[in-house]
Amino acid sequence: MLQAKAFIAKIKSDEAFRNRIMDIEDVAERFNLIKSDGFDCSEEEIKEAAGKLIVR
């Protein structure tokens, strides 16, 4: 979950990173890039972390 929170923080704060990730339409390819950038998390973990960040 820590990796997912770190990923969300980076995507919110780094426009170039966010654009690079979001330009990839294929989910599997997108997660390959996310992992190659050092974030070892699943789609479920990101969704869960995003939900917790929104609620708080």
PDB file of N, CA and C in Angstrom:
ATOM      1  N   MET A   1       0.822  -1.193   0.000  1.00  0.00           N
ATOM      2  CA  MET A   1       0.000   0.000   0.000  1.00  0.00           C
ATOM      3  C   MET A   1       0.867   1.259   0.000  1.00  0.00           C
ATOM      4  N   LEU A   2       2.041   1.196   0.627  1.00  0.00           N
ATOM      5  CA  LEU A   2       2.924   2.366   0.642  1.00  0.00           C
ATOM      6  C   LEU A   2       3.365   2.747  -0.765  1.00  0.00           C
ATOM      7  N   GLN A   3       3.647   1.753  -1.592  1.00  0.00           N
ATOM      8  CA  GLN A   3       4.046   2.028  -2.969  1.00  0.00           C
ATOM      9  C   GLN A   3       2.905   2.685  -3.740  1.00  0.00           C
ATOM     10  N   ALA A   4       1.686   2.249  -3.497  1.00  0.00           N
ATOM     11  CA  ALA A   4       0.528   2.828  -4.169  1.00  0.00           C
ATOM     12  C   ALA A   4       0.335   4.283  -3.750  1.00  0.00           C
ATOM     13  N   LYS A   5       0.495   4.574  -2.464  1.00  0.00           N
ATOM     14  CA  LYS A   5       0.377   5.952  -1.983  1.00  0.00           C
ATOM     15  C   LYS A   5       1.472   6.832  -2.574  1.00  0.00           C
ATOM     16  N   ALA A   6       2.683   6.300  -2.662  1.00  0.00           N
ATOM     17  CA  ALA A   6       3.793   7.046  -3.248  1.00  0.00           C
ATOM     18  C   ALA A   6       3.535   7.320  -4.728  1.00  0.00           C
ATOM     19  N   PHE A   7       2.981   6.338  -5.426  1.00  0.00           N
ATOM     20  CA  PHE A   7       2.642   6.505  -6.832  1.00  0.00           C
ATOM     21  C   PHE A   7       1.609   7.610  -7.006  1.00  0.00           C
ATOM     22  N   ILE A   8       0.573   7.592  -6.190  1.00  0.00           N
ATOM     23  CA  ILE A   8      -0.480   8.608  -6.284  1.00  0.00           C
ATOM     24  C   ILE A   8       0.092   9.998  -6.001  1.00  0.00           C
ATOM     25  N   ALA A   9       0.940  10.101  -5.014  1.00  0.00           N
ATOM     26  CA  ALA A   9       1.568  11.391  -4.701  1.00  0.00           C
ATOM     27  C   ALA A   9       2.383  11.892  -5.895  1.00  0.00           C
ATOM     28  N   LYS A  10       3.119  10.998  -6.535  1.00  0.00           N
ATOM     29  CA  LYS A  10       3.942  11.382  -7.687  1.00  0.00           C
ATOM     30  C   LYS A  10       3.074  11.800  -8.858  1.00  0.00           C
ATOM     31  N   ILE A  11       2.006  11.076  -9.087  1.00  0.00           N
ATOM     32  CA  ILE A  11       1.133  11.391 -10.226  1.00  0.00           C
ATOM     33  C   ILE A  11       0.440  12.747 -10.013  1.00  0.00           C
ATOM     34  N   LYS A  12       0.169  13.081  -8.764  1.00  0.00           N
ATOM     35  CA  LYS A  12      -0.464  14.370  -8.462  1.00  0.00           C
ATOM     36  C   LYS A  12       0.520  15.527  -8.576  1.00  0.00           C
ATOM     37  N   SER A  13       1.781  15.278  -8.260  1.00  0.00           N
ATOM     38  CA  SER A  13       2.746  16.374  -8.178  1.00  0.00           C
ATOM     39  C   SER A  13       3.623  16.540  -9.419  1.00  0.00           C
ATOM     40  N   ASP A  14       3.687  15.541 -10.286  1.00  0.00           N
ATOM     41  CA  ASP A  14       4.601  15.574 -11.424  1.00  0.00           C
ATOM     42  C   ASP A  14       3.811  15.431 -12.725  1.00  0.00           C
ATOM     43  N   GLU A  15       3.550  16.557 -13.369  1.00  0.00           N
ATOM     44  CA  GLU A  15       2.718  16.560 -14.570  1.00  0.00           C
ATOM     45  C   GLU A  15       3.331  15.734 -15.704  1.00  0.00           C
ATOM     46  N   ALA A  16       4.633  15.822 -15.899  1.00  0.00           N
ATOM     47  CA  ALA A  16       5.287  15.055 -16.969  1.00  0.00           C
ATOM     48  C   ALA A  16       5.149  13.557 -16.715  1.00  0.00           C
ATOM     49  N   PHE A  17       5.345  13.139 -15.458  1.00  0.00           N
ATOM     50  CA  PHE A  17       5.184  11.727 -15.092  1.00  0.00           C
ATOM     51  C   PHE A  17       3.745  11.286 -15.346  1.00  0.00           C
ATOM     52  N   ARG A  18       2.785  12.090 -14.886  1.00  0.00           N
ATOM     53  CA  ARG A  18       1.365  11.770 -15.064  1.00  0.00           C
ATOM     54  C   ARG A  18       1.033  11.626 -16.546  1.00  0.00           C
ATOM     55  N   ASN A  19       1.484  12.546 -17.364  1.00  0.00           N
ATOM     56  CA  ASN A  19       1.193  12.483 -18.799  1.00  0.00           C
ATOM     57  C   ASN A  19       1.814  11.254 -19.445  1.00  0.00           C
ATOM     58  N   ARG A  20       3.045  10.919 -19.044  1.00  0.00           N
ATOM     59  CA  ARG A  20       3.724   9.743 -19.598  1.00  0.00           C
ATOM     60  C   ARG A  20       2.951   8.472 -19.268  1.00  0.00           C
ATOM     61  N   ILE A  21       2.452   8.380 -18.045  1.00  0.00           N
ATOM     62  CA  ILE A  21       1.686   7.208 -17.621  1.00  0.00           C
ATOM     63  C   ILE A  21       0.329   7.163 -18.328  1.00  0.00           C
ATOM     64  N   MET A  22      -0.360   8.294 -18.341  1.00  0.00           N
ATOM     65  CA  MET A  22      -1.719   8.318 -18.875  1.00  0.00           C
ATOM     66  C   MET A  22      -1.772   8.243 -20.403  1.00  0.00           C
ATOM     67  N   ASP A  23      -0.663   8.505 -21.071  1.00  0.00           N
ATOM     68  CA  ASP A  23      -0.624   8.382 -22.529  1.00  0.00           C
ATOM     69  C   ASP A  23      -0.699   6.932 -22.983  1.00  0.00           C
ATOM     70  N   ILE A  24      -0.441   6.001 -22.080  1.00  0.00           N
ATOM     71  CA  ILE A  24      -0.490   4.573 -22.413  1.00  0.00           C
ATOM     72  C   ILE A  24      -1.912   4.070 -22.153  1.00  0.00           C
ATOM     73  N   GLU A  25      -2.569   3.608 -23.206  1.00  0.00           N
ATOM     74  CA  GLU A  25      -3.953   3.169 -23.065  1.00  0.00           C
ATOM     75  C   GLU A  25      -4.086   1.740 -22.560  1.00  0.00           C
ATOM     76  N   ASP A  26      -3.147   0.885 -22.899  1.00  0.00           N
ATOM     77  CA  ASP A  26      -3.200  -0.507 -22.472  1.00  0.00           C
ATOM     78  C   ASP A  26      -2.812  -0.611 -20.997  1.00  0.00           C
ATOM     79  N   VAL A  27      -3.713  -1.149 -20.190  1.00  0.00           N
ATOM     80  CA  VAL A  27      -3.499  -1.213 -18.740  1.00  0.00           C
ATOM     81  C   VAL A  27      -2.253  -2.016 -18.380  1.00  0.00           C
ATOM     82  N   ALA A  28      -2.040  -3.133 -19.032  1.00  0.00           N
ATOM     83  CA  ALA A  28      -0.867  -3.960 -18.734  1.00  0.00           C
ATOM     84  C   ALA A  28       0.425  -3.200 -19.039  1.00  0.00           C
ATOM     85  N   GLU A  29       0.459  -2.510 -20.166  1.00  0.00           N
ATOM     86  CA  GLU A  29       1.638  -1.717 -20.513  1.00  0.00           C
ATOM     87  C   GLU A  29       1.826  -0.569 -19.522  1.00  0.00           C
ATOM     88  N   ARG A  30       0.725   0.039 -19.111  1.00  0.00           N
ATOM     89  CA  ARG A  30       0.794   1.135 -18.150  1.00  0.00           C
ATOM     90  C   ARG A  30       1.420   0.642 -16.840  1.00  0.00           C
ATOM     91  N   PHE A  31       1.005  -0.528 -16.375  1.00  0.00           N
ATOM     92  CA  PHE A  31       1.553  -1.058 -15.125  1.00  0.00           C
ATOM     93  C   PHE A  31       2.998  -1.519 -15.280  1.00  0.00           C
ATOM     94  N   ASN A  32       3.379  -1.939 -16.478  1.00  0.00           N
ATOM     95  CA  ASN A  32       4.788  -2.258 -16.716  1.00  0.00           C
ATOM     96  C   ASN A  32       5.635  -0.998 -16.554  1.00  0.00           C
ATOM     97  N   LEU A  33       5.167   0.121 -17.075  1.00  0.00           N
ATOM     98  CA  LEU A  33       5.890   1.381 -16.929  1.00  0.00           C
ATOM     99  C   LEU A  33       5.917   1.831 -15.471  1.00  0.00           C
ATOM    100  N   ILE A  34       4.792   1.715 -14.797  1.00  0.00           N
ATOM    101  CA  ILE A  34       4.721   2.088 -13.375  1.00  0.00           C
ATOM    102  C   ILE A  34       5.744   1.280 -12.581  1.00  0.00           C
ATOM    103  N   LYS A  35       5.787  -0.020 -12.824  1.00  0.00           N
ATOM    104  CA  LYS A  35       6.743  -0.881 -12.108  1.00  0.00           C
ATOM    105  C   LYS A  35       8.179  -0.565 -12.499  1.00  0.00           C
ATOM    106  N   SER A  36       8.417  -0.262 -13.773  1.00  0.00           N
ATOM    107  CA  SER A  36       9.788   0.065 -14.193  1.00  0.00           C
ATOM    108  C   SER A  36      10.255   1.385 -13.588  1.00  0.00           C
ATOM    109  N   ASP A  37       9.316   2.223 -13.178  1.00  0.00           N
ATOM    110  CA  ASP A  37       9.650   3.480 -12.501  1.00  0.00           C
ATOM    111  C   ASP A  37       9.806   3.296 -10.999  1.00  0.00           C
ATOM    112  N   GLY A  38       9.710   2.043 -10.533  1.00  0.00           N
ATOM    113  CA  GLY A  38       9.998   1.746  -9.135  1.00  0.00           C
ATOM    114  C   GLY A  38       8.799   1.618  -8.217  1.00  0.00           C
ATOM    115  N   PHE A  39       7.609   1.625  -8.760  1.00  0.00           N
ATOM    116  CA  PHE A  39       6.406   1.496  -7.941  1.00  0.00           C
ATOM    117  C   PHE A  39       5.860   0.083  -8.091  1.00  0.00           C
ATOM    118  N   ASP A  40       6.039  -0.735  -7.069  1.00  0.00           N
ATOM    119  CA  ASP A  40       5.603  -2.124  -7.108  1.00  0.00           C
ATOM    120  C   ASP A  40       4.241  -2.232  -6.433  1.00  0.00           C
ATOM    121  N   CYS A  41       3.186  -1.967  -7.221  1.00  0.00           N
ATOM    122  CA  CYS A  41       1.826  -2.016  -6.673  1.00  0.00           C
ATOM    123  C   CYS A  41       0.860  -2.467  -7.761  1.00  0.00           C
ATOM    124  N   SER A  42      -0.277  -2.948  -7.329  1.00  0.00           N
ATOM    125  CA  SER A  42      -1.294  -3.437  -8.255  1.00  0.00           C
ATOM    126  C   SER A  42      -2.356  -2.361  -8.483  1.00  0.00           C
ATOM    127  N   GLU A  43      -3.173  -2.603  -9.472  1.00  0.00           N
ATOM    128  CA  GLU A  43      -4.286  -1.687  -9.752  1.00  0.00           C
ATOM    129  C   GLU A  43      -5.215  -1.602  -8.538  1.00  0.00           C
ATOM    130  N   GLU A  44      -5.453  -2.740  -7.893  1.00  0.00           N
ATOM    131  CA  GLU A  44      -6.321  -2.762  -6.714  1.00  0.00           C
ATOM    132  C   GLU A  44      -5.741  -1.919  -5.581  1.00  0.00           C
ATOM    133  N   GLU A  45      -4.433  -2.026  -5.372  1.00  0.00           N
ATOM    134  CA  GLU A  45      -3.786  -1.236  -4.318  1.00  0.00           C
ATOM    135  C   GLU A  45      -3.885   0.261  -4.614  1.00  0.00           C
ATOM    136  N   ILE A  46      -3.730   0.637  -5.869  1.00  0.00           N
ATOM    137  CA  ILE A  46      -3.838   2.043  -6.236  1.00  0.00           C
ATOM    138  C   ILE A  46      -5.263   2.536  -6.006  1.00  0.00           C
ATOM    139  N   LYS A  47      -6.239   1.743  -6.415  1.00  0.00           N
ATOM    140  CA  LYS A  47      -7.637   2.134  -6.202  1.00  0.00           C
ATOM    141  C   LYS A  47      -7.953   2.259  -4.717  1.00  0.00           C
ATOM    142  N   GLU A  48      -7.466   1.323  -3.920  1.00  0.00           N
ATOM    143  CA  GLU A  48      -7.701   1.359  -2.475  1.00  0.00           C
ATOM    144  C   GLU A  48      -7.024   2.577  -1.850  1.00  0.00           C
ATOM    145  N   ALA A  49      -5.788   2.830  -2.236  1.00  0.00           N
ATOM    146  CA  ALA A  49      -5.060   3.987  -1.691  1.00  0.00           C
ATOM    147  C   ALA A  49      -5.727   5.284  -2.118  1.00  0.00           C
ATOM    148  N   ALA A  50      -6.175   5.359  -3.350  1.00  0.00           N
ATOM    149  CA  ALA A  50      -6.853   6.571  -3.843  1.00  0.00           C
ATOM    150  C   ALA A  50      -8.144   6.801  -3.071  1.00  0.00           C
ATOM    151  N   GLY A  51      -8.865   5.740  -2.799  1.00  0.00           N
ATOM    152  CA  GLY A  51     -10.092   5.860  -2.027  1.00  0.00           C
ATOM    153  C   GLY A  51      -9.841   6.368  -0.621  1.00  0.00           C
ATOM    154  N   LYS A  52      -8.785   5.875   0.002  1.00  0.00           N
ATOM    155  CA  LYS A  52      -8.453   6.314   1.348  1.00  0.00           C
ATOM    156  C   LYS A  52      -8.000   7.761   1.372  1.00  0.00           C
ATOM    157  N   LEU A  53      -7.282   8.192   0.315  1.00  0.00           N
ATOM    158  CA  LEU A  53      -6.827   9.574   0.254  1.00  0.00           C
ATOM    159  C   LEU A  53      -7.982  10.533   0.030  1.00  0.00           C
ATOM    160  N   ILE A  54      -8.980  10.099  -0.719  1.00  0.00           N
ATOM    161  CA  ILE A  54     -10.143  10.942  -0.997  1.00  0.00           C
ATOM    162  C   ILE A  54     -11.012  11.076   0.251  1.00  0.00           C
ATOM    163  N   VAL A  55     -11.165   9.993   0.996  1.00  0.00           N
ATOM    164  CA  VAL A  55     -12.018   9.989   2.184  1.00  0.00           C
ATOM    165  C   VAL A  55     -11.434  10.857   3.281  1.00  0.00           C
ATOM    166  N   ARG A  56     -10.140  10.866   3.425  1.00  0.00           N
ATOM    167  CA  ARG A  56      -9.512  11.589   4.529  1.00  0.00           C
ATOM    168  C   ARG A  56      -9.502  13.054   4.317  1.00  0.00           C
TER     169      ARG A  56
END
